[in-house]
């Protein structure tokens, strides 16, 4: 598998399409910062990313202090960091607060948000993606305020858009599997957008996605994510990726800002943190599963990364979930059997 596929596999993701907007000019609505509505949208989800898919018409998207962004039919907009923004067409006298209606959409009382003055029609499909916090250091690292990609013009994008439109048209039909299909289609939208964004990055771009696109660095990232508990050396990684040790080290540091084994050490600790949160395995077992031969060495490394030892980290997490009334986790992190 490639680096992006490995990273997406290792980060538990969820997706949702939570409403369909049908707007007639002039109109406008405000979208709050996701951190302000995360407890309503997806309680217990560590990281949320919002999106809009424009299926008909046009609109203007505005972020505070930024230039206006024009969007049109076929555009998918990903807001990686969940920033507050407005979406409009024309000069509306008021802006609807979309966050105030989320509860009604989520319980199914509303499936379409309608507003406007009766003019030109614009339609959106709106939703979010949920993932674990350590996605911030992977495919979400270094992403801009907003990503805009047009899905029209090639068969894959057009199929994806038409599939989403078909599923949204059946909202409220209560057909078996409908919610799962919507969730998976939302995930597919996100992955396809990230893939297209990565392919369009300029040659001088750095960061995780740019590194994943580079043949040598991408191959090394895939190996590190596929077998995180393997006792990798730079020499072995270089041999596996078909470049010299010095070339791999230089290119990896240029794209990721750190050497390969430093990256691996941090990734192992992220996996360990997820296991401490979602399993009851003993600390020594967690240490072994992420590649540490010594519990003492694991404890020292974990405390350097997270500020507290593993046992205390687990206790704090369970205490916070108990106080918030949440139970369970986002699903256990597992090292694949072939990673040993």
Foldseek 3Di string as FASTA:
>chain_A
DWLVVLVCVQKQKWKAFQAKEKEAPFAKAKEAQCVVCVCPAPNFFAAKKKKKAKQAAKKWKDAPPDDIDIDGHQKMKIQRRRHIIMIGDYDDPDHHYVSVCRNCSVVPVHHYHYDYDHHDIIMITIIMMTIHPCCCQALSPPDDRMAMDGLPDDDVSVVLVVVQVVLSVCPPVPDPPSRVVRTVSRVVVVVVRSVVVLVPDDQQAAGRSVLSPDQLSRQLSSLCSQQLQDPDDLCVSCVSSVHHSVVSQVSNCSRNVHGSVVVSLVVLLVLLLQQLQAHPDDQVVSCNQRHHPDSVVQQVSNCVVPVHGSVVSSVVNVVVCVVVVHDHHSDHRHRDPVND
